[in-house]
Structure formats: C-alpha cells, structure tokens
Amino acid sequence: MLSSAQRFFGDLRLRMGAALSFNQKRVCLGIGLFAAVVCCANYEFGWFLSPVNAKRIMVVSFVIPVLFQHFVGPTFQEVQDYRDRERAE
C-alpha cells in the first residue's frame, strides 16, 4: 500500500510533468544546470554577481534542478524510448 504522501507526490509528478514534452523537460533541466554552474563559478571566482551570500545561492541552485528532475523531469522509460527512436532512424 502506498502512503498518502507517496500518492500525493506521485500525483504531483504526473500533473506537473504531463504538460511538457520530452525536449521541453530537457531544456528546463539544462537551464537549471547552467544556472547552477554560473552560481558555482560566481562563488569560486568571486564575481560578486549577487548581493547576498553566494554559498547559499549555490546550494539552492543545485536543489531546485534536483527537485525539478524528481517531479517533472523525464523518466528513465522516456529516455530509453527517445534513444530507441533515435537509433531506429
């Protein structure tokens, strides 16, 4: 039996990810990862792109793509189907 929390998060994943195509999900994850890389570079090289603590922003910039991947990102089955279609062409 699934707990109520598992059902809630499973339903949330279906509702959030259903509106985006596979490539749209990949683009959104790419943007999130690019933001994370910029935040890391800001922290490491001291660019001072943000007025608040750069270390906190760096942590948040990695947490948001992970949550997005979990709830909205492409599933393993979608990735396999995409690769199979690419190989068939």
PDB file of N, CA and C in Angstrom:
ATOM      1  N   MET A   1       0.835  -1.188   0.000  1.00  0.00           N
ATOM      2  CA  MET A   1       0.000   0.000   0.000  1.00  0.00           C
ATOM      3  C   MET A   1       0.874   1.244   0.000  1.00  0.00           C
ATOM      4  N   LEU A   2       0.477   2.218  -0.745  1.00  0.00           N
ATOM      5  CA  LEU A   2       1.175   3.496  -0.778  1.00  0.00           C
ATOM      6  C   LEU A   2       0.653   4.388   0.333  1.00  0.00           C
ATOM      7  N   SER A   3       1.552   5.106   0.955  1.00  0.00           N
ATOM      8  CA  SER A   3       1.128   6.070   1.968  1.00  0.00           C
ATOM      9  C   SER A   3       0.492   7.274   1.274  1.00  0.00           C
ATOM     10  N   SER A   4      -0.163   8.099   2.064  1.00  0.00           N
ATOM     11  CA  SER A   4      -0.810   9.270   1.480  1.00  0.00           C
ATOM     12  C   SER A   4       0.232  10.232   0.897  1.00  0.00           C
ATOM     13  N   ALA A   5       1.410  10.327   1.526  1.00  0.00           N
ATOM     14  CA  ALA A   5       2.465  11.196   0.998  1.00  0.00           C
ATOM     15  C   ALA A   5       2.968  10.673  -0.343  1.00  0.00           C
ATOM     16  N   GLN A   6       3.150   9.364  -0.466  1.00  0.00           N
ATOM     17  CA  GLN A   6       3.608   8.788  -1.726  1.00  0.00           C
ATOM     18  C   GLN A   6       2.580   9.000  -2.830  1.00  0.00           C
ATOM     19  N   ARG A   7       1.310   8.855  -2.509  1.00  0.00           N
ATOM     20  CA  ARG A   7       0.262   9.097  -3.504  1.00  0.00           C
ATOM     21  C   ARG A   7       0.243  10.561  -3.910  1.00  0.00           C
ATOM     22  N   PHE A   8       0.396  11.468  -2.922  1.00  0.00           N
ATOM     23  CA  PHE A   8       0.385  12.897  -3.223  1.00  0.00           C
ATOM     24  C   PHE A   8       1.526  13.268  -4.153  1.00  0.00           C
ATOM     25  N   PHE A   9       2.752  12.822  -3.823  1.00  0.00           N
ATOM     26  CA  PHE A   9       3.897  13.185  -4.650  1.00  0.00           C
ATOM     27  C   PHE A   9       3.857  12.483  -6.000  1.00  0.00           C
ATOM     28  N   GLY A  10       3.304  11.283  -6.065  1.00  0.00           N
ATOM     29  CA  GLY A  10       3.132  10.613  -7.353  1.00  0.00           C
ATOM     30  C   GLY A  10       2.148  11.363  -8.231  1.00  0.00           C
ATOM     31  N   ASP A  11       1.032  11.807  -7.642  1.00  0.00           N
ATOM     32  CA  ASP A  11       0.054  12.598  -8.389  1.00  0.00           C
ATOM     33  C   ASP A  11       0.650  13.931  -8.815  1.00  0.00           C
ATOM     34  N   LEU A  12       1.441  14.541  -7.941  1.00  0.00           N
ATOM     35  CA  LEU A  12       2.073  15.820  -8.262  1.00  0.00           C
ATOM     36  C   LEU A  12       3.014  15.650  -9.449  1.00  0.00           C
ATOM     37  N   ARG A  13       3.766  14.570  -9.469  1.00  0.00           N
ATOM     38  CA  ARG A  13       4.685  14.312 -10.579  1.00  0.00           C
ATOM     39  C   ARG A  13       3.921  14.170 -11.884  1.00  0.00           C
ATOM     40  N   LEU A  14       2.821  13.458 -11.860  1.00  0.00           N
ATOM     41  CA  LEU A  14       2.038  13.276 -13.081  1.00  0.00           C
ATOM     42  C   LEU A  14       1.429  14.585 -13.555  1.00  0.00           C
ATOM     43  N   ARG A  15       0.896  15.383 -12.639  1.00  0.00           N
ATOM     44  CA  ARG A  15       0.261  16.632 -13.025  1.00  0.00           C
ATOM     45  C   ARG A  15       1.269  17.638 -13.557  1.00  0.00           C
ATOM     46  N   MET A  16       2.438  17.727 -12.937  1.00  0.00           N
ATOM     47  CA  MET A  16       3.415  18.735 -13.350  1.00  0.00           C
ATOM     48  C   MET A  16       4.118  18.351 -14.640  1.00  0.00           C
ATOM     49  N   GLY A  17       4.413  17.070 -14.820  1.00  0.00           N
ATOM     50  CA  GLY A  17       5.191  16.661 -15.978  1.00  0.00           C
ATOM     51  C   GLY A  17       4.380  16.374 -17.220  1.00  0.00           C
ATOM     52  N   ALA A  18       3.070  16.279 -17.094  1.00  0.00           N
ATOM     53  CA  ALA A  18       2.246  15.894 -18.231  1.00  0.00           C
ATOM     54  C   ALA A  18       2.169  16.981 -19.296  1.00  0.00           C
ATOM     55  N   ALA A  19       2.346  18.227 -18.931  1.00  0.00           N
ATOM     56  CA  ALA A  19       2.162  19.321 -19.881  1.00  0.00           C
ATOM     57  C   ALA A  19       3.399  19.573 -20.749  1.00  0.00           C
ATOM     58  N   LEU A  20       4.533  19.007 -20.406  1.00  0.00           N
ATOM     59  CA  LEU A  20       5.768  19.282 -21.139  1.00  0.00           C
ATOM     60  C   LEU A  20       6.176  18.087 -21.988  1.00  0.00           C
ATOM     61  N   SER A  21       6.720  18.367 -23.164  1.00  0.00           N
ATOM     62  CA  SER A  21       7.259  17.298 -23.998  1.00  0.00           C
ATOM     63  C   SER A  21       8.632  16.892 -23.460  1.00  0.00           C
ATOM     64  N   PHE A  22       9.153  15.822 -24.021  1.00  0.00           N
ATOM     65  CA  PHE A  22      10.456  15.314 -23.576  1.00  0.00           C
ATOM     66  C   PHE A  22      11.548  16.367 -23.756  1.00  0.00           C
ATOM     67  N   ASN A  23      11.580  17.015 -24.925  1.00  0.00           N
ATOM     68  CA  ASN A  23      12.617  18.015 -25.180  1.00  0.00           C
ATOM     69  C   ASN A  23      12.438  19.259 -24.317  1.00  0.00           C
ATOM     70  N   GLN A  24      11.196  19.640 -24.015  1.00  0.00           N
ATOM     71  CA  GLN A  24      10.965  20.781 -23.124  1.00  0.00           C
ATOM     72  C   GLN A  24      11.484  20.475 -21.714  1.00  0.00           C
ATOM     73  N   LYS A  25      11.299  19.255 -21.274  1.00  0.00           N
ATOM     74  CA  LYS A  25      11.827  18.855 -19.961  1.00  0.00           C
ATOM     75  C   LYS A  25      13.350  18.928 -19.953  1.00  0.00           C
ATOM     76  N   ARG A  26      13.970  18.481 -21.043  1.00  0.00           N
ATOM     77  CA  ARG A  26      15.428  18.526 -21.130  1.00  0.00           C
ATOM     78  C   ARG A  26      15.944  19.955 -21.144  1.00  0.00           C
ATOM     79  N   VAL A  27      15.250  20.834 -21.850  1.00  0.00           N
ATOM     80  CA  VAL A  27      15.665  22.244 -21.904  1.00  0.00           C
ATOM     81  C   VAL A  27      15.561  22.882 -20.519  1.00  0.00           C
ATOM     82  N   CYS A  28      14.472  22.621 -19.818  1.00  0.00           N
ATOM     83  CA  CYS A  28      14.305  23.182 -18.469  1.00  0.00           C
ATOM     84  C   CYS A  28      15.401  22.694 -17.530  1.00  0.00           C
ATOM     85  N   LEU A  29      15.738  21.412 -17.603  1.00  0.00           N
ATOM     86  CA  LEU A  29      16.822  20.898 -16.772  1.00  0.00           C
ATOM     87  C   LEU A  29      18.161  21.512 -17.167  1.00  0.00           C
ATOM     88  N   GLY A  30      18.375  21.711 -18.456  1.00  0.00           N
ATOM     89  CA  GLY A  30      19.610  22.339 -18.928  1.00  0.00           C
ATOM     90  C   GLY A  30      19.759  23.760 -18.411  1.00  0.00           C
ATOM     91  N   ILE A  31      18.661  24.502 -18.413  1.00  0.00           N
ATOM     92  CA  ILE A  31      18.695  25.871 -17.889  1.00  0.00           C
ATOM     93  C   ILE A  31      19.032  25.856 -16.399  1.00  0.00           C
ATOM     94  N   GLY A  32      18.428  24.937 -15.676  1.00  0.00           N
ATOM     95  CA  GLY A  32      18.717  24.825 -14.244  1.00  0.00           C
ATOM     96  C   GLY A  32      20.171  24.458 -13.971  1.00  0.00           C
ATOM     97  N   LEU A  33      20.708  23.540 -14.769  1.00  0.00           N
ATOM     98  CA  LEU A  33      22.109  23.161 -14.584  1.00  0.00           C
ATOM     99  C   LEU A  33      23.054  24.292 -14.976  1.00  0.00           C
ATOM    100  N   PHE A  34      22.700  25.042 -16.020  1.00  0.00           N
ATOM    101  CA  PHE A  34      23.509  26.190 -16.403  1.00  0.00           C
ATOM    102  C   PHE A  34      23.535  27.225 -15.272  1.00  0.00           C
ATOM    103  N   ALA A  35      22.382  27.467 -14.660  1.00  0.00           N
ATOM    104  CA  ALA A  35      22.319  28.404 -13.530  1.00  0.00           C
ATOM    105  C   ALA A  35      23.181  27.904 -12.371  1.00  0.00           C
ATOM    106  N   ALA A  36      23.178  26.599 -12.141  1.00  0.00           N
ATOM    107  CA  ALA A  36      24.000  26.039 -11.064  1.00  0.00           C
ATOM    108  C   ALA A  36      25.490  26.238 -11.355  1.00  0.00           C
ATOM    109  N   VAL A  37      25.887  26.048 -12.602  1.00  0.00           N
ATOM    110  CA  VAL A  37      27.294  26.241 -12.974  1.00  0.00           C
ATOM    111  C   VAL A  37      27.698  27.701 -12.814  1.00  0.00           C
ATOM    112  N   VAL A  38      26.829  28.618 -13.218  1.00  0.00           N
ATOM    113  CA  VAL A  38      27.130  30.046 -13.053  1.00  0.00           C
ATOM    114  C   VAL A  38      27.250  30.396 -11.573  1.00  0.00           C
ATOM    115  N   CYS A  39      26.384  29.843 -10.740  1.00  0.00           N
ATOM    116  CA  CYS A  39      26.461  30.119  -9.298  1.00  0.00           C
ATOM    117  C   CYS A  39      27.750  29.564  -8.698  1.00  0.00           C
ATOM    118  N   CYS A  40      28.170  28.383  -9.144  1.00  0.00           N
ATOM    119  CA  CYS A  40      29.442  27.823  -8.660  1.00  0.00           C
ATOM    120  C   CYS A  40      30.624  28.691  -9.099  1.00  0.00           C
ATOM    121  N   ALA A  41      30.590  29.118 -10.355  1.00  0.00           N
ATOM    122  CA  ALA A  41      31.668  29.971 -10.840  1.00  0.00           C
ATOM    123  C   ALA A  41      31.673  31.298 -10.094  1.00  0.00           C
ATOM    124  N   ASN A  42      30.507  31.840  -9.798  1.00  0.00           N
ATOM    125  CA  ASN A  42      30.405  33.076  -9.027  1.00  0.00           C
ATOM    126  C   ASN A  42      31.058  32.897  -7.665  1.00  0.00           C
ATOM    127  N   TYR A  43      30.798  31.772  -7.023  1.00  0.00           N
ATOM    128  CA  TYR A  43      31.365  31.515  -5.696  1.00  0.00           C
ATOM    129  C   TYR A  43      32.881  31.294  -5.774  1.00  0.00           C
ATOM    130  N   GLU A  44      33.315  30.468  -6.726  1.00  0.00           N
ATOM    131  CA  GLU A  44      34.731  30.114  -6.807  1.00  0.00           C
ATOM    132  C   GLU A  44      35.610  31.275  -7.281  1.00  0.00           C
ATOM    133  N   PHE A  45      35.141  32.032  -8.249  1.00  0.00           N
ATOM    134  CA  PHE A  45      35.968  33.087  -8.831  1.00  0.00           C
ATOM    135  C   PHE A  45      35.711  34.468  -8.242  1.00  0.00           C
ATOM    136  N   GLY A  46      34.726  34.560  -7.352  1.00  0.00           N
ATOM    137  CA  GLY A  46      34.458  35.827  -6.692  1.00  0.00           C
ATOM    138  C   GLY A  46      33.947  36.909  -7.618  1.00  0.00           C
ATOM    139  N   TRP A  47      33.027  36.556  -8.497  1.00  0.00           N
ATOM    140  CA  TRP A  47      32.487  37.528  -9.439  1.00  0.00           C
ATOM    141  C   TRP A  47      31.530  38.512  -8.776  1.00  0.00           C
ATOM    142  N   PHE A  48      30.973  38.160  -7.646  1.00  0.00           N
ATOM    143  CA  PHE A  48      30.038  39.013  -6.896  1.00  0.00           C
ATOM    144  C   PHE A  48      28.831  39.410  -7.754  1.00  0.00           C
ATOM    145  N   LEU A  49      28.227  38.414  -8.403  1.00  0.00           N
ATOM    146  CA  LEU A  49      27.049  38.668  -9.227  1.00  0.00           C
ATOM    147  C   LEU A  49      25.792  38.873  -8.387  1.00  0.00           C
ATOM    148  N   SER A  50      25.835  38.431  -7.148  1.00  0.00           N
ATOM    149  CA  SER A  50      24.651  38.570  -6.289  1.00  0.00           C
ATOM    150  C   SER A  50      25.039  39.297  -5.007  1.00  0.00           C
ATOM    151  N   PRO A  51      24.128  40.102  -4.470  1.00  0.00           N
ATOM    152  CA  PRO A  51      24.454  40.875  -3.273  1.00  0.00           C
ATOM    153  C   PRO A  51      24.390  40.066  -1.977  1.00  0.00           C
ATOM    154  N   VAL A  52      23.807  38.876  -2.019  1.00  0.00           N
ATOM    155  CA  VAL A  52      23.701  38.057  -0.804  1.00  0.00           C
ATOM    156  C   VAL A  52      24.739  36.958  -0.831  1.00  0.00           C
ATOM    157  N   ASN A  53      24.724  36.120   0.177  1.00  0.00           N
ATOM    158  CA  ASN A  53      25.719  35.073   0.340  1.00  0.00           C
ATOM    159  C   ASN A  53      25.730  34.127  -0.861  1.00  0.00           C
ATOM    160  N   ALA A  54      26.850  34.048  -1.558  1.00  0.00           N
ATOM    161  CA  ALA A  54      26.959  33.249  -2.776  1.00  0.00           C
ATOM    162  C   ALA A  54      26.872  31.758  -2.481  1.00  0.00           C
ATOM    163  N   LYS A  55      27.326  31.335  -1.308  1.00  0.00           N
ATOM    164  CA  LYS A  55      27.292  29.918  -0.974  1.00  0.00           C
ATOM    165  C   LYS A  55      25.850  29.428  -0.833  1.00  0.00           C
ATOM    166  N   ARG A  56      24.990  30.226  -0.234  1.00  0.00           N
ATOM    167  CA  ARG A  56      23.578  29.839  -0.097  1.00  0.00           C
ATOM    168  C   ARG A  56      22.906  29.749  -1.465  1.00  0.00           C
ATOM    169  N   ILE A  57      23.193  30.703  -2.305  1.00  0.00           N
ATOM    170  CA  ILE A  57      22.607  30.685  -3.648  1.00  0.00           C
ATOM    171  C   ILE A  57      23.092  29.464  -4.422  1.00  0.00           C
ATOM    172  N   MET A  58      24.353  29.082  -4.238  1.00  0.00           N
ATOM    173  CA  MET A  58      24.891  27.912  -4.912  1.00  0.00           C
ATOM    174  C   MET A  58      24.157  26.648  -4.460  1.00  0.00           C
ATOM    175  N   VAL A  59      23.895  26.528  -3.181  1.00  0.00           N
ATOM    176  CA  VAL A  59      23.177  25.355  -2.674  1.00  0.00           C
ATOM    177  C   VAL A  59      21.764  25.308  -3.250  1.00  0.00           C
ATOM    178  N   VAL A  60      21.084  26.429  -3.227  1.00  0.00           N
ATOM    179  CA  VAL A  60      19.716  26.482  -3.760  1.00  0.00           C
ATOM    180  C   VAL A  60      19.714  26.184  -5.251  1.00  0.00           C
ATOM    181  N   SER A  61      20.743  26.655  -5.970  1.00  0.00           N
ATOM    182  CA  SER A  61      20.783  26.434  -7.411  1.00  0.00           C
ATOM    183  C   SER A  61      20.966  24.960  -7.761  1.00  0.00           C
ATOM    184  N   PHE A  62      21.434  24.138  -6.833  1.00  0.00           N
ATOM    185  CA  PHE A  62      21.517  22.706  -7.075  1.00  0.00           C
ATOM    186  C   PHE A  62      20.280  21.978  -6.579  1.00  0.00           C
ATOM    187  N   VAL A  63      19.639  22.485  -5.559  1.00  0.00           N
ATOM    188  CA  VAL A  63      18.446  21.830  -5.020  1.00  0.00           C
ATOM    189  C   VAL A  63      17.269  21.957  -5.988  1.00  0.00           C
ATOM    190  N   ILE A  64      17.105  23.111  -6.596  1.00  0.00           N
ATOM    191  CA  ILE A  64      15.959  23.335  -7.493  1.00  0.00           C
ATOM    192  C   ILE A  64      15.995  22.392  -8.705  1.00  0.00           C
ATOM    193  N   PRO A  65      17.123  22.213  -9.427  1.00  0.00           N
ATOM    194  CA  PRO A  65      17.107  21.246 -10.540  1.00  0.00           C
ATOM    195  C   PRO A  65      16.867  19.803 -10.086  1.00  0.00           C
ATOM    196  N   VAL A  66      17.354  19.452  -8.897  1.00  0.00           N
ATOM    197  CA  VAL A  66      17.120  18.096  -8.397  1.00  0.00           C
ATOM    198  C   VAL A  66      15.629  17.876  -8.146  1.00  0.00           C
ATOM    199  N   LEU A  67      14.963  18.849  -7.535  1.00  0.00           N
ATOM    200  CA  LEU A  67      13.521  18.734  -7.307  1.00  0.00           C
ATOM    201  C   LEU A  67      12.764  18.721  -8.635  1.00  0.00           C
ATOM    202  N   PHE A  68      13.194  19.545  -9.572  1.00  0.00           N
ATOM    203  CA  PHE A  68      12.555  19.572 -10.889  1.00  0.00           C
ATOM    204  C   PHE A  68      12.709  18.219 -11.578  1.00  0.00           C
ATOM    205  N   GLN A  69      13.897  17.642 -11.515  1.00  0.00           N
ATOM    206  CA  GLN A  69      14.134  16.332 -12.128  1.00  0.00           C
ATOM    207  C   GLN A  69      13.240  15.281 -11.489  1.00  0.00           C
ATOM    208  N   HIS A  70      13.086  15.364 -10.187  1.00  0.00           N
ATOM    209  CA  HIS A  70      12.283  14.358  -9.499  1.00  0.00           C
ATOM    210  C   HIS A  70      10.804  14.462  -9.855  1.00  0.00           C
ATOM    211  N   PHE A  71      10.272  15.677  -9.904  1.00  0.00           N
ATOM    212  CA  PHE A  71       8.843  15.839 -10.101  1.00  0.00           C
ATOM    213  C   PHE A  71       8.423  16.035 -11.552  1.00  0.00           C
ATOM    214  N   VAL A  72       9.269  16.631 -12.383  1.00  0.00           N
ATOM    215  CA  VAL A  72       8.855  16.989 -13.728  1.00  0.00           C
ATOM    216  C   VAL A  72       9.742  16.350 -14.792  1.00  0.00           C
ATOM    217  N   GLY A  73      10.973  16.094 -14.479  1.00  0.00           N
ATOM    218  CA  GLY A  73      11.931  15.640 -15.476  1.00  0.00           C
ATOM    219  C   GLY A  73      11.545  14.349 -16.159  1.00  0.00           C
ATOM    220  N   PRO A  74      12.214  14.039 -17.262  1.00  0.00           N
ATOM    221  CA  PRO A  74      11.894  12.817 -17.993  1.00  0.00           C
ATOM    222  C   PRO A  74      12.204  11.574 -17.165  1.00  0.00           C
ATOM    223  N   THR A  75      11.328  10.580 -17.288  1.00  0.00           N
ATOM    224  CA  THR A  75      11.550   9.331 -16.573  1.00  0.00           C
ATOM    225  C   THR A  75      12.571   8.495 -17.335  1.00  0.00           C
ATOM    226  N   PHE A  76      13.057   7.469 -16.684  1.00  0.00           N
ATOM    227  CA  PHE A  76      14.031   6.586 -17.315  1.00  0.00           C
ATOM    228  C   PHE A  76      13.423   5.933 -18.556  1.00  0.00           C
ATOM    229  N   GLN A  77      12.149   5.573 -18.480  1.00  0.00           N
ATOM    230  CA  GLN A  77      11.482   4.959 -19.618  1.00  0.00           C
ATOM    231  C   GLN A  77      11.384   5.927 -20.798  1.00  0.00           C
ATOM    232  N   GLU A  78      11.113   7.206 -20.528  1.00  0.00           N
ATOM    233  CA  GLU A  78      11.063   8.202 -21.601  1.00  0.00           C
ATOM    234  C   GLU A  78      12.427   8.358 -22.264  1.00  0.00           C
ATOM    235  N   VAL A  79      13.489   8.339 -21.476  1.00  0.00           N
ATOM    236  CA  VAL A  79      14.844   8.456 -22.033  1.00  0.00           C
ATOM    237  C   VAL A  79      15.156   7.247 -22.903  1.00  0.00           C
ATOM    238  N   GLN A  80      14.800   6.043 -22.425  1.00  0.00           N
ATOM    239  CA  GLN A  80      15.046   4.845 -23.224  1.00  0.00           C
ATOM    240  C   GLN A  80      14.261   4.878 -24.534  1.00  0.00           C
ATOM    241  N   ASP A  81      12.991   5.280 -24.472  1.00  0.00           N
ATOM    242  CA  ASP A  81      12.184   5.365 -25.686  1.00  0.00           C
ATOM    243  C   ASP A  81      12.770   6.364 -26.676  1.00  0.00           C
ATOM    244  N   TYR A  82      13.247   7.498 -26.168  1.00  0.00           N
ATOM    245  CA  TYR A  82      13.859   8.508 -27.025  1.00  0.00           C
ATOM    246  C   TYR A  82      15.110   7.955 -27.706  1.00  0.00           C
ATOM    247  N   ARG A  83      15.945   7.263 -26.957  1.00  0.00           N
ATOM    248  CA  ARG A  83      17.162   6.686 -27.536  1.00  0.00           C
ATOM    249  C   ARG A  83      16.846   5.607 -28.556  1.00  0.00           C
ATOM    250  N   ASP A  84      15.831   4.807 -28.263  1.00  0.00           N
ATOM    251  CA  ASP A  84      15.440   3.761 -29.216  1.00  0.00           C
ATOM    252  C   ASP A  84      14.938   4.368 -30.520  1.00  0.00           C
ATOM    253  N   ARG A  85      14.160   5.452 -30.449  1.00  0.00           N
ATOM    254  CA  ARG A  85      13.684   6.122 -31.652  1.00  0.00           C
ATOM    255  C   ARG A  85      14.836   6.704 -32.451  1.00  0.00           C
ATOM    256  N   GLU A  86      15.827   7.271 -31.744  1.00  0.00           N
ATOM    257  CA  GLU A  86      16.988   7.858 -32.436  1.00  0.00           C
ATOM    258  C   GLU A  86      17.805   6.786 -33.144  1.00  0.00           C
ATOM    259  N   ARG A  87      17.938   5.624 -32.537  1.00  0.00           N
ATOM    260  CA  ARG A  87      18.719   4.548 -33.151  1.00  0.00           C
ATOM    261  C   ARG A  87      17.995   3.949 -34.342  1.00  0.00           C
ATOM    262  N   ALA A  88      16.665   3.961 -34.299  1.00  0.00           N
ATOM    263  CA  ALA A  88      15.881   3.365 -35.382  1.00  0.00           C
ATOM    264  C   ALA A  88      15.928   4.214 -36.652  1.00  0.00           C
ATOM    265  N   GLU A  89      16.211   5.476 -36.521  1.00  0.00           N
ATOM    266  CA  GLU A  89      16.209   6.365 -37.703  1.00  0.00           C
ATOM    267  C   GLU A  89      17.464   6.252 -38.512  1.00  0.00           C
TER     268      GLU A  89
END
